[in-house]
Amino acid sequence: MVSLLAEIPPSGGIILSSFIESISINQDSSLLDYCVMASGLVFLGLILINLYFQLFRMIQKSLLEYWQEPWNWLEFSRWTSFFFYYIFYIYHFVLVLKGVLITFAQDAKKSFQN
């Protein structure tokens, strides 16, 4: 938080003061947090590689012939569930970050009013 203050005393002139306070928005990360994040990124990479190979197979075959195999429907439902999972994960992160920023703004407003 940064607070800049300028006062004009009755004797004239300007008195400037500043107050800088650093805070941590995120919690301290542990080794386990980094392992979970790395495994999630590896998982996403494998999903994208699988999607690339499936799209390549779809291009090689005709579109109707590709969708006649039941295994391909299972693959499609798996991609859909994975992408919904990652969309939910990102949405959850945005909601948490928004809550942290709102809390930070309220704290800054309270300290500014005092």
PDB file of N, CA and C in Angstrom:
ATOM      1  N   MET A   1       0.857  -1.158   0.000  1.00  0.00           N
ATOM      2  CA  MET A   1       0.000   0.000   0.000  1.00  0.00           C
ATOM      3  C   MET A   1       0.906   1.223   0.000  1.00  0.00           C
ATOM      4  N   VAL A   2       0.564   2.185  -0.791  1.00  0.00           N
ATOM      5  CA  VAL A   2       1.310   3.430  -0.880  1.00  0.00           C
ATOM      6  C   VAL A   2       0.374   4.565  -0.502  1.00  0.00           C
ATOM      7  N   SER A   3       0.838   5.408   0.419  1.00  0.00           N
ATOM      8  CA  SER A   3       0.045   6.548   0.847  1.00  0.00           C
ATOM      9  C   SER A   3       0.905   7.799   0.713  1.00  0.00           C
ATOM     10  N   LEU A   4       0.441   8.728  -0.077  1.00  0.00           N
ATOM     11  CA  LEU A   4       1.142  10.008  -0.251  1.00  0.00           C
ATOM     12  C   LEU A   4       0.275  11.101   0.357  1.00  0.00           C
ATOM     13  N   LEU A   5       0.904  11.969   1.114  1.00  0.00           N
ATOM     14  CA  LEU A   5       0.157  12.987   1.828  1.00  0.00           C
ATOM     15  C   LEU A   5       0.851  14.331   1.628  1.00  0.00           C
ATOM     16  N   ALA A   6       0.075  15.336   1.323  1.00  0.00           N
ATOM     17  CA  ALA A   6       0.586  16.702   1.198  1.00  0.00           C
ATOM     18  C   ALA A   6      -0.258  17.591   2.110  1.00  0.00           C
ATOM     19  N   GLU A   7       0.415  18.294   3.038  1.00  0.00           N
ATOM     20  CA  GLU A   7      -0.285  19.172   3.974  1.00  0.00           C
ATOM     21  C   GLU A   7       0.191  20.609   3.765  1.00  0.00           C
ATOM     22  N   ILE A   8      -0.752  21.509   3.897  1.00  0.00           N
ATOM     23  CA  ILE A   8      -0.416  22.933   3.829  1.00  0.00           C
ATOM     24  C   ILE A   8      -0.691  23.522   5.218  1.00  0.00           C
ATOM     25  N   PRO A   9       0.377  23.783   5.993  1.00  0.00           N
ATOM     26  CA  PRO A   9       0.180  24.339   7.331  1.00  0.00           C
ATOM     27  C   PRO A   9      -0.178  25.831   7.259  1.00  0.00           C
ATOM     28  N   PRO A  10      -0.742  26.378   8.345  1.00  0.00           N
ATOM     29  CA  PRO A  10      -1.108  27.790   8.341  1.00  0.00           C
ATOM     30  C   PRO A  10       0.089  28.733   8.141  1.00  0.00           C
ATOM     31  N   SER A  11       1.281  28.252   8.481  1.00  0.00           N
ATOM     32  CA  SER A  11       2.463  29.105   8.329  1.00  0.00           C
ATOM     33  C   SER A  11       2.928  29.190   6.879  1.00  0.00           C
ATOM     34  N   GLY A  12       2.348  28.364   5.998  1.00  0.00           N
ATOM     35  CA  GLY A  12       2.699  28.387   4.579  1.00  0.00           C
ATOM     36  C   GLY A  12       3.609  27.227   4.216  1.00  0.00           C
ATOM     37  N   GLY A  13       3.774  27.020   2.937  1.00  0.00           N
ATOM     38  CA  GLY A  13       4.610  25.920   2.461  1.00  0.00           C
ATOM     39  C   GLY A  13       3.802  24.629   2.333  1.00  0.00           C
ATOM     40  N   ILE A  14       4.502  23.607   1.948  1.00  0.00           N
ATOM     41  CA  ILE A  14       3.873  22.296   1.780  1.00  0.00           C
ATOM     42  C   ILE A  14       4.729  21.274   2.507  1.00  0.00           C
ATOM     43  N   ILE A  15       4.089  20.432   3.290  1.00  0.00           N
ATOM     44  CA  ILE A  15       4.779  19.335   3.967  1.00  0.00           C
ATOM     45  C   ILE A  15       4.353  18.042   3.275  1.00  0.00           C
ATOM     46  N   LEU A  16       5.319  17.369   2.695  1.00  0.00           N
ATOM     47  CA  LEU A  16       5.055  16.120   1.990  1.00  0.00           C
ATOM     48  C   LEU A  16       5.458  14.945   2.870  1.00  0.00           C
ATOM     49  N   SER A  17       4.659  13.904   2.853  1.00  0.00           N
ATOM     50  CA  SER A  17       5.016  12.671   3.557  1.00  0.00           C
ATOM     51  C   SER A  17       4.518  11.482   2.742  1.00  0.00           C
ATOM     52  N   SER A  18       5.189  10.372   2.920  1.00  0.00           N
ATOM     53  CA  SER A  18       4.790   9.155   2.202  1.00  0.00           C
ATOM     54  C   SER A  18       4.890   7.970   3.149  1.00  0.00           C
ATOM     55  N   PHE A  19       4.081   6.984   2.880  1.00  0.00           N
ATOM     56  CA  PHE A  19       4.077   5.760   3.666  1.00  0.00           C
ATOM     57  C   PHE A  19       3.943   4.605   2.686  1.00  0.00           C
ATOM     58  N   ILE A  20       4.889   3.682   2.716  1.00  0.00           N
ATOM     59  CA  ILE A  20       4.880   2.531   1.815  1.00  0.00           C
ATOM     60  C   ILE A  20       4.873   1.273   2.667  1.00  0.00           C
ATOM     61  N   GLU A  21       3.882   0.426   2.422  1.00  0.00           N
ATOM     62  CA  GLU A  21       3.761  -0.842   3.146  1.00  0.00           C
ATOM     63  C   GLU A  21       3.573  -1.948   2.121  1.00  0.00           C
ATOM     64  N   SER A  22       4.406  -2.942   2.158  1.00  0.00           N
ATOM     65  CA  SER A  22       4.273  -4.049   1.212  1.00  0.00           C
ATOM     66  C   SER A  22       3.510  -5.186   1.890  1.00  0.00           C
ATOM     67  N   ILE A  23       2.668  -5.817   1.115  1.00  0.00           N
ATOM     68  CA  ILE A  23       1.909  -6.954   1.617  1.00  0.00           C
ATOM     69  C   ILE A  23       2.033  -8.083   0.608  1.00  0.00           C
ATOM     70  N   SER A  24       1.776  -9.274   1.055  1.00  0.00           N
ATOM     71  CA  SER A  24       1.809 -10.444   0.184  1.00  0.00           C
ATOM     72  C   SER A  24       0.382 -10.797  -0.204  1.00  0.00           C
ATOM     73  N   ILE A  25       0.094 -10.788  -1.496  1.00  0.00           N
ATOM     74  CA  ILE A  25      -1.249 -11.128  -1.960  1.00  0.00           C
ATOM     75  C   ILE A  25      -1.429 -12.643  -1.955  1.00  0.00           C
ATOM     76  N   ASN A  26      -0.410 -13.356  -2.376  1.00  0.00           N
ATOM     77  CA  ASN A  26      -0.502 -14.815  -2.430  1.00  0.00           C
ATOM     78  C   ASN A  26       0.175 -15.413  -1.205  1.00  0.00           C
ATOM     79  N   GLN A  27      -0.263 -16.612  -0.863  1.00  0.00           N
ATOM     80  CA  GLN A  27       0.380 -17.304   0.243  1.00  0.00           C
ATOM     81  C   GLN A  27       1.754 -17.789  -0.197  1.00  0.00           C
ATOM     82  N   ASP A  28       2.596 -18.097   0.749  1.00  0.00           N
ATOM     83  CA  ASP A  28       3.914 -18.633   0.422  1.00  0.00           C
ATOM     84  C   ASP A  28       3.741 -19.996  -0.222  1.00  0.00           C
ATOM     85  N   SER A  29       4.437 -20.214  -1.305  1.00  0.00           N
ATOM     86  CA  SER A  29       4.317 -21.474  -2.026  1.00  0.00           C
ATOM     87  C   SER A  29       5.299 -22.482  -1.457  1.00  0.00           C
ATOM     88  N   SER A  30       4.837 -23.700  -1.375  1.00  0.00           N
ATOM     89  CA  SER A  30       5.698 -24.776  -0.905  1.00  0.00           C
ATOM     90  C   SER A  30       6.091 -25.648  -2.092  1.00  0.00           C
ATOM     91  N   LEU A  31       6.946 -26.609  -1.832  1.00  0.00           N
ATOM     92  CA  LEU A  31       7.379 -27.523  -2.879  1.00  0.00           C
ATOM     93  C   LEU A  31       6.198 -28.325  -3.419  1.00  0.00           C
ATOM     94  N   LEU A  32       5.262 -28.679  -2.543  1.00  0.00           N
ATOM     95  CA  LEU A  32       4.081 -29.432  -2.973  1.00  0.00           C
ATOM     96  C   LEU A  32       3.235 -28.617  -3.950  1.00  0.00           C
ATOM     97  N   ASP A  33       3.098 -27.306  -3.701  1.00  0.00           N
ATOM     98  CA  ASP A  33       2.329 -26.456  -4.619  1.00  0.00           C
ATOM     99  C   ASP A  33       2.959 -26.442  -6.007  1.00  0.00           C
ATOM    100  N   TYR A  34       4.287 -26.357  -6.057  1.00  0.00           N
ATOM    101  CA  TYR A  34       4.965 -26.359  -7.351  1.00  0.00           C
ATOM    102  C   TYR A  34       4.846 -27.713  -8.044  1.00  0.00           C
ATOM    103  N   CYS A  35       4.873 -28.805  -7.283  1.00  0.00           N
ATOM    104  CA  CYS A  35       4.710 -30.140  -7.885  1.00  0.00           C
ATOM    105  C   CYS A  35       3.309 -30.309  -8.461  1.00  0.00           C
ATOM    106  N   VAL A  36       2.300 -29.829  -7.744  1.00  0.00           N
ATOM    107  CA  VAL A  36       0.924 -29.911  -8.239  1.00  0.00           C
ATOM    108  C   VAL A  36       0.768 -29.074  -9.501  1.00  0.00           C
ATOM    109  N   MET A  37       1.347 -27.859  -9.504  1.00  0.00           N
ATOM    110  CA  MET A  37       1.248 -27.001 -10.672  1.00  0.00           C
ATOM    111  C   MET A  37       1.974 -27.617 -11.873  1.00  0.00           C
ATOM    112  N   ALA A  38       3.165 -28.189 -11.634  1.00  0.00           N
ATOM    113  CA  ALA A  38       3.922 -28.809 -12.724  1.00  0.00           C
ATOM    114  C   ALA A  38       3.194 -30.019 -13.282  1.00  0.00           C
ATOM    115  N   SER A  39       2.606 -30.838 -12.414  1.00  0.00           N
ATOM    116  CA  SER A  39       1.888 -32.010 -12.916  1.00  0.00           C
ATOM    117  C   SER A  39       0.633 -31.593 -13.691  1.00  0.00           C
ATOM    118  N   GLY A  40      -0.014 -30.509 -13.257  1.00  0.00           N
ATOM    119  CA  GLY A  40      -1.164 -30.004 -14.010  1.00  0.00           C
ATOM    120  C   GLY A  40      -0.771 -29.515 -15.395  1.00  0.00           C
ATOM    121  N   LEU A  41       0.383 -28.847 -15.481  1.00  0.00           N
ATOM    122  CA  LEU A  41       0.851 -28.374 -16.794  1.00  0.00           C
ATOM    123  C   LEU A  41       1.267 -29.528 -17.693  1.00  0.00           C
ATOM    124  N   VAL A  42       1.900 -30.559 -17.115  1.00  0.00           N
ATOM    125  CA  VAL A  42       2.260 -31.750 -17.905  1.00  0.00           C
ATOM    126  C   VAL A  42       0.993 -32.435 -18.407  1.00  0.00           C
ATOM    127  N   PHE A  43      -0.008 -32.532 -17.538  1.00  0.00           N
ATOM    128  CA  PHE A  43      -1.292 -33.140 -17.914  1.00  0.00           C
ATOM    129  C   PHE A  43      -1.948 -32.369 -19.059  1.00  0.00           C
ATOM    130  N   LEU A  44      -1.938 -31.043 -18.966  1.00  0.00           N
ATOM    131  CA  LEU A  44      -2.505 -30.223 -20.035  1.00  0.00           C
ATOM    132  C   LEU A  44      -1.726 -30.408 -21.331  1.00  0.00           C
ATOM    133  N   GLY A  45      -0.415 -30.491 -21.239  1.00  0.00           N
ATOM    134  CA  GLY A  45       0.405 -30.731 -22.430  1.00  0.00           C
ATOM    135  C   GLY A  45       0.073 -32.061 -23.088  1.00  0.00           C
ATOM    136  N   LEU A  46      -0.097 -33.118 -22.280  1.00  0.00           N
ATOM    137  CA  LEU A  46      -0.453 -34.425 -22.834  1.00  0.00           C
ATOM    138  C   LEU A  46      -1.833 -34.403 -23.490  1.00  0.00           C
ATOM    139  N   ILE A  47      -2.763 -33.667 -22.892  1.00  0.00           N
ATOM    140  CA  ILE A  47      -4.094 -33.540 -23.482  1.00  0.00           C
ATOM    141  C   ILE A  47      -4.007 -32.855 -24.839  1.00  0.00           C
ATOM    142  N   LEU A  48      -3.219 -31.793 -24.930  1.00  0.00           N
ATOM    143  CA  LEU A  48      -3.097 -31.073 -26.197  1.00  0.00           C
ATOM    144  C   LEU A  48      -2.393 -31.914 -27.261  1.00  0.00           C
ATOM    145  N   ILE A  49      -1.403 -32.705 -26.858  1.00  0.00           N
ATOM    146  CA  ILE A  49      -0.741 -33.604 -27.812  1.00  0.00           C
ATOM    147  C   ILE A  49      -1.732 -34.649 -28.319  1.00  0.00           C
ATOM    148  N   ASN A  50      -2.525 -35.231 -27.418  1.00  0.00           N
ATOM    149  CA  ASN A  50      -3.537 -36.202 -27.820  1.00  0.00           C
ATOM    150  C   ASN A  50      -4.550 -35.565 -28.761  1.00  0.00           C
ATOM    151  N   LEU A  51      -4.973 -34.348 -28.464  1.00  0.00           N
ATOM    152  CA  LEU A  51      -5.916 -33.650 -29.338  1.00  0.00           C
ATOM    153  C   LEU A  51      -5.309 -33.431 -30.726  1.00  0.00           C
ATOM    154  N   TYR A  52      -4.027 -33.095 -30.777  1.00  0.00           N
ATOM    155  CA  TYR A  52      -3.357 -32.901 -32.061  1.00  0.00           C
ATOM    156  C   TYR A  52      -3.398 -34.194 -32.886  1.00  0.00           C
ATOM    157  N   PHE A  53      -3.069 -35.330 -32.249  1.00  0.00           N
ATOM    158  CA  PHE A  53      -3.074 -36.596 -32.978  1.00  0.00           C
ATOM    159  C   PHE A  53      -4.485 -36.996 -33.418  1.00  0.00           C
ATOM    160  N   GLN A  54      -5.472 -36.724 -32.594  1.00  0.00           N
ATOM    161  CA  GLN A  54      -6.842 -37.050 -32.974  1.00  0.00           C
ATOM    162  C   GLN A  54      -7.323 -36.177 -34.136  1.00  0.00           C
ATOM    163  N   LEU A  55      -6.969 -34.910 -34.105  1.00  0.00           N
ATOM    164  CA  LEU A  55      -7.332 -34.039 -35.231  1.00  0.00           C
ATOM    165  C   LEU A  55      -6.630 -34.473 -36.513  1.00  0.00           C
ATOM    166  N   PHE A  56      -5.385 -34.931 -36.386  1.00  0.00           N
ATOM    167  CA  PHE A  56      -4.658 -35.437 -37.544  1.00  0.00           C
ATOM    168  C   PHE A  56      -5.355 -36.677 -38.112  1.00  0.00           C
ATOM    169  N   ARG A  57      -5.815 -37.582 -37.235  1.00  0.00           N
ATOM    170  CA  ARG A  57      -6.564 -38.760 -37.686  1.00  0.00           C
ATOM    171  C   ARG A  57      -7.877 -38.363 -38.338  1.00  0.00           C
ATOM    172  N   MET A  58      -8.523 -37.325 -37.782  1.00  0.00           N
ATOM    173  CA  MET A  58      -9.792 -36.871 -38.333  1.00  0.00           C
ATOM    174  C   MET A  58      -9.591 -36.313 -39.741  1.00  0.00           C
ATOM    175  N   ILE A  59      -8.474 -35.632 -39.947  1.00  0.00           N
ATOM    176  CA  ILE A  59      -8.185 -35.078 -41.273  1.00  0.00           C
ATOM    177  C   ILE A  59      -7.872 -36.197 -42.259  1.00  0.00           C
ATOM    178  N   GLN A  60      -7.148 -37.235 -41.808  1.00  0.00           N
ATOM    179  CA  GLN A  60      -6.801 -38.339 -42.698  1.00  0.00           C
ATOM    180  C   GLN A  60      -8.042 -39.113 -43.144  1.00  0.00           C
ATOM    181  N   LYS A  61      -8.947 -39.355 -42.194  1.00  0.00           N
ATOM    182  CA  LYS A  61     -10.198 -40.041 -42.533  1.00  0.00           C
ATOM    183  C   LYS A  61     -11.227 -38.984 -42.903  1.00  0.00           C
ATOM    184  N   SER A  62     -12.311 -39.414 -43.429  1.00  0.00           N
ATOM    185  CA  SER A  62     -13.398 -38.468 -43.640  1.00  0.00           C
ATOM    186  C   SER A  62     -14.079 -38.214 -42.299  1.00  0.00           C
ATOM    187  N   LEU A  63     -14.772 -37.106 -42.200  1.00  0.00           N
ATOM    188  CA  LEU A  63     -15.397 -36.711 -40.949  1.00  0.00           C
ATOM    189  C   LEU A  63     -16.460 -37.715 -40.516  1.00  0.00           C
ATOM    190  N   LEU A  64     -17.269 -38.194 -41.435  1.00  0.00           N
ATOM    191  CA  LEU A  64     -18.312 -39.175 -41.094  1.00  0.00           C
ATOM    192  C   LEU A  64     -17.715 -40.512 -40.662  1.00  0.00           C
ATOM    193  N   GLU A  65     -16.669 -40.936 -41.349  1.00  0.00           N
ATOM    194  CA  GLU A  65     -16.024 -42.198 -40.990  1.00  0.00           C
ATOM    195  C   GLU A  65     -15.370 -42.109 -39.609  1.00  0.00           C
ATOM    196  N   TYR A  66     -14.812 -40.966 -39.286  1.00  0.00           N
ATOM    197  CA  TYR A  66     -14.170 -40.780 -37.986  1.00  0.00           C
ATOM    198  C   TYR A  66     -15.185 -40.892 -36.853  1.00  0.00           C
ATOM    199  N   TRP A  67     -16.365 -40.284 -37.006  1.00  0.00           N
ATOM    200  CA  TRP A  67     -17.348 -40.271 -35.923  1.00  0.00           C
ATOM    201  C   TRP A  67     -18.159 -41.561 -35.833  1.00  0.00           C
ATOM    202  N   GLN A  68     -17.978 -42.507 -36.749  1.00  0.00           N
ATOM    203  CA  GLN A  68     -18.695 -43.780 -36.668  1.00  0.00           C
ATOM    204  C   GLN A  68     -18.082 -44.719 -35.636  1.00  0.00           C
ATOM    205  N   GLU A  69     -16.842 -44.478 -35.258  1.00  0.00           N
ATOM    206  CA  GLU A  69     -16.197 -45.344 -34.264  1.00  0.00           C
ATOM    207  C   GLU A  69     -16.578 -44.883 -32.853  1.00  0.00           C
ATOM    208  N   PRO A  70     -17.040 -45.806 -31.996  1.00  0.00           N
ATOM    209  CA  PRO A  70     -17.430 -45.411 -30.628  1.00  0.00           C
ATOM    210  C   PRO A  70     -16.253 -44.885 -29.801  1.00  0.00           C
ATOM    211  N   TRP A  71     -15.043 -45.373 -30.087  1.00  0.00           N
ATOM    212  CA  TRP A  71     -13.870 -44.925 -29.336  1.00  0.00           C
ATOM    213  C   TRP A  71     -13.647 -43.418 -29.517  1.00  0.00           C
ATOM    214  N   ASN A  72     -13.938 -42.921 -30.693  1.00  0.00           N
ATOM    215  CA  ASN A  72     -13.742 -41.488 -30.954  1.00  0.00           C
ATOM    216  C   ASN A  72     -14.746 -40.635 -30.183  1.00  0.00           C
ATOM    217  N   TRP A  73     -15.950 -41.149 -29.974  1.00  0.00           N
ATOM    218  CA  TRP A  73     -16.921 -40.427 -29.149  1.00  0.00           C
ATOM    219  C   TRP A  73     -16.421 -40.355 -27.703  1.00  0.00           C
ATOM    220  N   LEU A  74     -15.823 -41.437 -27.237  1.00  0.00           N
ATOM    221  CA  LEU A  74     -15.249 -41.447 -25.892  1.00  0.00           C
ATOM    222  C   LEU A  74     -14.105 -40.439 -25.783  1.00  0.00           C
ATOM    223  N   GLU A  75     -13.270 -40.381 -26.796  1.00  0.00           N
ATOM    224  CA  GLU A  75     -12.181 -39.393 -26.824  1.00  0.00           C
ATOM    225  C   GLU A  75     -12.735 -37.969 -26.775  1.00  0.00           C
ATOM    226  N   PHE A  76     -13.783 -37.720 -27.538  1.00  0.00           N
ATOM    227  CA  PHE A  76     -14.371 -36.384 -27.560  1.00  0.00           C
ATOM    228  C   PHE A  76     -14.943 -36.005 -26.197  1.00  0.00           C
ATOM    229  N   SER A  77     -15.621 -36.948 -25.532  1.00  0.00           N
ATOM    230  CA  SER A  77     -16.161 -36.647 -24.204  1.00  0.00           C
ATOM    231  C   SER A  77     -15.035 -36.422 -23.200  1.00  0.00           C
ATOM    232  N   ARG A  78     -13.923 -37.121 -23.359  1.00  0.00           N
ATOM    233  CA  ARG A  78     -12.775 -36.925 -22.476  1.00  0.00           C
ATOM    234  C   ARG A  78     -12.172 -35.542 -22.682  1.00  0.00           C
ATOM    235  N   TRP A  79     -11.997 -35.114 -23.928  1.00  0.00           N
ATOM    236  CA  TRP A  79     -11.466 -33.761 -24.185  1.00  0.00           C
ATOM    237  C   TRP A  79     -12.379 -32.707 -23.588  1.00  0.00           C
ATOM    238  N   THR A  80     -13.677 -32.905 -23.792  1.00  0.00           N
ATOM    239  CA  THR A  80     -14.641 -31.930 -23.280  1.00  0.00           C
ATOM    240  C   THR A  80     -14.547 -31.812 -21.764  1.00  0.00           C
ATOM    241  N   SER A  81     -14.483 -32.942 -21.069  1.00  0.00           N
ATOM    242  CA  SER A  81     -14.396 -32.891 -19.609  1.00  0.00           C
ATOM    243  C   SER A  81     -13.080 -32.262 -19.159  1.00  0.00           C
ATOM    244  N   PHE A  82     -11.973 -32.548 -19.839  1.00  0.00           N
ATOM    245  CA  PHE A  82     -10.691 -31.945 -19.472  1.00  0.00           C
ATOM    246  C   PHE A  82     -10.715 -30.439 -19.662  1.00  0.00           C
ATOM    247  N   PHE A  83     -11.253 -29.999 -20.781  1.00  0.00           N
ATOM    248  CA  PHE A  83     -11.274 -28.549 -21.029  1.00  0.00           C
ATOM    249  C   PHE A  83     -12.224 -27.826 -20.079  1.00  0.00           C
ATOM    250  N   PHE A  84     -13.343 -28.456 -19.723  1.00  0.00           N
ATOM    251  CA  PHE A  84     -14.221 -27.851 -18.720  1.00  0.00           C
ATOM    252  C   PHE A  84     -13.518 -27.774 -17.367  1.00  0.00           C
ATOM    253  N   TYR A  85     -12.729 -28.805 -17.054  1.00  0.00           N
ATOM    254  CA  TYR A  85     -11.975 -28.788 -15.802  1.00  0.00           C
ATOM    255  C   TYR A  85     -11.010 -27.606 -15.784  1.00  0.00           C
ATOM    256  N   TYR A  86     -10.261 -27.399 -16.855  1.00  0.00           N
ATOM    257  CA  TYR A  86      -9.297 -26.300 -16.888  1.00  0.00           C
ATOM    258  C   TYR A  86      -9.988 -24.941 -16.925  1.00  0.00           C
ATOM    259  N   ILE A  87     -11.120 -24.846 -17.591  1.00  0.00           N
ATOM    260  CA  ILE A  87     -11.873 -23.587 -17.580  1.00  0.00           C
ATOM    261  C   ILE A  87     -12.359 -23.288 -16.167  1.00  0.00           C
ATOM    262  N   PHE A  88     -12.859 -24.314 -15.463  1.00  0.00           N
ATOM    263  CA  PHE A  88     -13.295 -24.126 -14.085  1.00  0.00           C
ATOM    264  C   PHE A  88     -12.118 -23.737 -13.198  1.00  0.00           C
ATOM    265  N   TYR A  89     -10.965 -24.358 -13.404  1.00  0.00           N
ATOM    266  CA  TYR A  89      -9.761 -24.072 -12.626  1.00  0.00           C
ATOM    267  C   TYR A  89      -9.338 -22.622 -12.804  1.00  0.00           C
ATOM    268  N   ILE A  90      -9.349 -22.127 -14.030  1.00  0.00           N
ATOM    269  CA  ILE A  90      -8.996 -20.733 -14.299  1.00  0.00           C
ATOM    270  C   ILE A  90     -10.051 -19.798 -13.721  1.00  0.00           C
ATOM    271  N   TYR A  91     -11.323 -20.145 -13.859  1.00  0.00           N
ATOM    272  CA  TYR A  91     -12.400 -19.321 -13.310  1.00  0.00           C
ATOM    273  C   TYR A  91     -12.288 -19.230 -11.790  1.00  0.00           C
ATOM    274  N   HIS A  92     -11.981 -20.353 -11.135  1.00  0.00           N
ATOM    275  CA  HIS A  92     -11.791 -20.360  -9.689  1.00  0.00           C
ATOM    276  C   HIS A  92     -10.626 -19.450  -9.293  1.00  0.00           C
ATOM    277  N   PHE A  93      -9.533 -19.508 -10.046  1.00  0.00           N
ATOM    278  CA  PHE A  93      -8.388 -18.644  -9.764  1.00  0.00           C
ATOM    279  C   PHE A  93      -8.775 -17.170  -9.890  1.00  0.00           C
ATOM    280  N   VAL A  94      -9.547 -16.835 -10.918  1.00  0.00           N
ATOM    281  CA  VAL A  94      -9.967 -15.447 -11.118  1.00  0.00           C
ATOM    282  C   VAL A  94     -10.872 -14.984  -9.975  1.00  0.00           C
ATOM    283  N   LEU A  95     -11.776 -15.862  -9.516  1.00  0.00           N
ATOM    284  CA  LEU A  95     -12.652 -15.497  -8.402  1.00  0.00           C
ATOM    285  C   LEU A  95     -11.857 -15.271  -7.121  1.00  0.00           C
ATOM    286  N   VAL A  96     -10.884 -16.124  -6.849  1.00  0.00           N
ATOM    287  CA  VAL A  96     -10.062 -15.962  -5.649  1.00  0.00           C
ATOM    288  C   VAL A  96      -9.257 -14.677  -5.747  1.00  0.00           C
ATOM    289  N   LEU A  97      -8.665 -14.422  -6.907  1.00  0.00           N
ATOM    290  CA  LEU A  97      -7.878 -13.206  -7.086  1.00  0.00           C
ATOM    291  C   LEU A  97      -8.757 -11.969  -6.947  1.00  0.00           C
ATOM    292  N   LYS A  98      -9.976 -12.025  -7.475  1.00  0.00           N
ATOM    293  CA  LYS A  98     -10.899 -10.895  -7.348  1.00  0.00           C
ATOM    294  C   LYS A  98     -11.239 -10.645  -5.881  1.00  0.00           C
ATOM    295  N   GLY A  99     -11.469 -11.711  -5.120  1.00  0.00           N
ATOM    296  CA  GLY A  99     -11.744 -11.573  -3.696  1.00  0.00           C
ATOM    297  C   GLY A  99     -10.577 -10.972  -2.936  1.00  0.00           C
ATOM    298  N   VAL A 100      -9.362 -11.396  -3.289  1.00  0.00           N
ATOM    299  CA  VAL A 100      -8.171 -10.843  -2.639  1.00  0.00           C
ATOM    300  C   VAL A 100      -8.035  -9.367  -2.966  1.00  0.00           C
ATOM    301  N   LEU A 101      -8.248  -9.001  -4.218  1.00  0.00           N
ATOM    302  CA  LEU A 101      -8.114  -7.605  -4.611  1.00  0.00           C
ATOM    303  C   LEU A 101      -9.203  -6.728  -3.977  1.00  0.00           C
ATOM    304  N   ILE A 102     -10.411  -7.246  -3.856  1.00  0.00           N
ATOM    305  CA  ILE A 102     -11.483  -6.482  -3.198  1.00  0.00           C
ATOM    306  C   ILE A 102     -11.139  -6.266  -1.726  1.00  0.00           C
ATOM    307  N   THR A 103     -10.646  -7.318  -1.068  1.00  0.00           N
ATOM    308  CA  THR A 103     -10.242  -7.193   0.329  1.00  0.00           C
ATOM    309  C   THR A 103      -9.117  -6.178   0.478  1.00  0.00           C
ATOM    310  N   PHE A 104      -8.152  -6.239  -0.434  1.00  0.00           N
ATOM    311  CA  PHE A 104      -7.039  -5.288  -0.408  1.00  0.00           C
ATOM    312  C   PHE A 104      -7.548  -3.858  -0.612  1.00  0.00           C
ATOM    313  N   ALA A 105      -8.479  -3.664  -1.523  1.00  0.00           N
ATOM    314  CA  ALA A 105      -9.015  -2.325  -1.783  1.00  0.00           C
ATOM    315  C   ALA A 105      -9.796  -1.812  -0.573  1.00  0.00           C
ATOM    316  N   GLN A 106     -10.549  -2.689   0.087  1.00  0.00           N
ATOM    317  CA  GLN A 106     -11.296  -2.267   1.273  1.00  0.00           C
ATOM    318  C   GLN A 106     -10.347  -1.889   2.408  1.00  0.00           C
ATOM    319  N   ASP A 107      -9.281  -2.671   2.586  1.00  0.00           N
ATOM    320  CA  ASP A 107      -8.296  -2.341   3.622  1.00  0.00           C
ATOM    321  C   ASP A 107      -7.608  -1.021   3.317  1.00  0.00           C
ATOM    322  N   ALA A 108      -7.287  -0.799   2.048  1.00  0.00           N
ATOM    323  CA  ALA A 108      -6.644   0.460   1.661  1.00  0.00           C
ATOM    324  C   ALA A 108      -7.582   1.636   1.885  1.00  0.00           C
ATOM    325  N   LYS A 109      -8.858   1.440   1.583  1.00  0.00           N
ATOM    326  CA  LYS A 109      -9.844   2.513   1.781  1.00  0.00           C
ATOM    327  C   LYS A 109     -10.002   2.853   3.270  1.00  0.00           C
ATOM    328  N   LYS A 110     -10.029   1.809   4.110  1.00  0.00           N
ATOM    329  CA  LYS A 110     -10.143   2.037   5.552  1.00  0.00           C
ATOM    330  C   LYS A 110      -8.923   2.768   6.092  1.00  0.00           C
ATOM    331  N   SER A 111      -7.727   2.379   5.646  1.00  0.00           N
ATOM    332  CA  SER A 111      -6.528   3.044   6.140  1.00  0.00           C
ATOM    333  C   SER A 111      -6.424   4.466   5.588  1.00  0.00           C
ATOM    334  N   PHE A 112      -6.960   4.696   4.395  1.00  0.00           N
ATOM    335  CA  PHE A 112      -6.922   6.042   3.827  1.00  0.00           C
ATOM    336  C   PHE A 112      -7.885   6.968   4.572  1.00  0.00           C
ATOM    337  N   GLN A 113      -9.030   6.416   4.980  1.00  0.00           N
ATOM    338  CA  GLN A 113     -10.009   7.238   5.708  1.00  0.00           C
ATOM    339  C   GLN A 113      -9.529   7.564   7.114  1.00  0.00           C
ATOM    340  N   ASN A 114      -8.694   6.726   7.675  1.00  0.00           N
ATOM    341  CA  ASN A 114      -8.183   6.994   9.035  1.00  0.00           C
ATOM    342  C   ASN A 114      -7.039   7.915   8.955  1.00  0.00           C
TER     343      ASN A 114
END
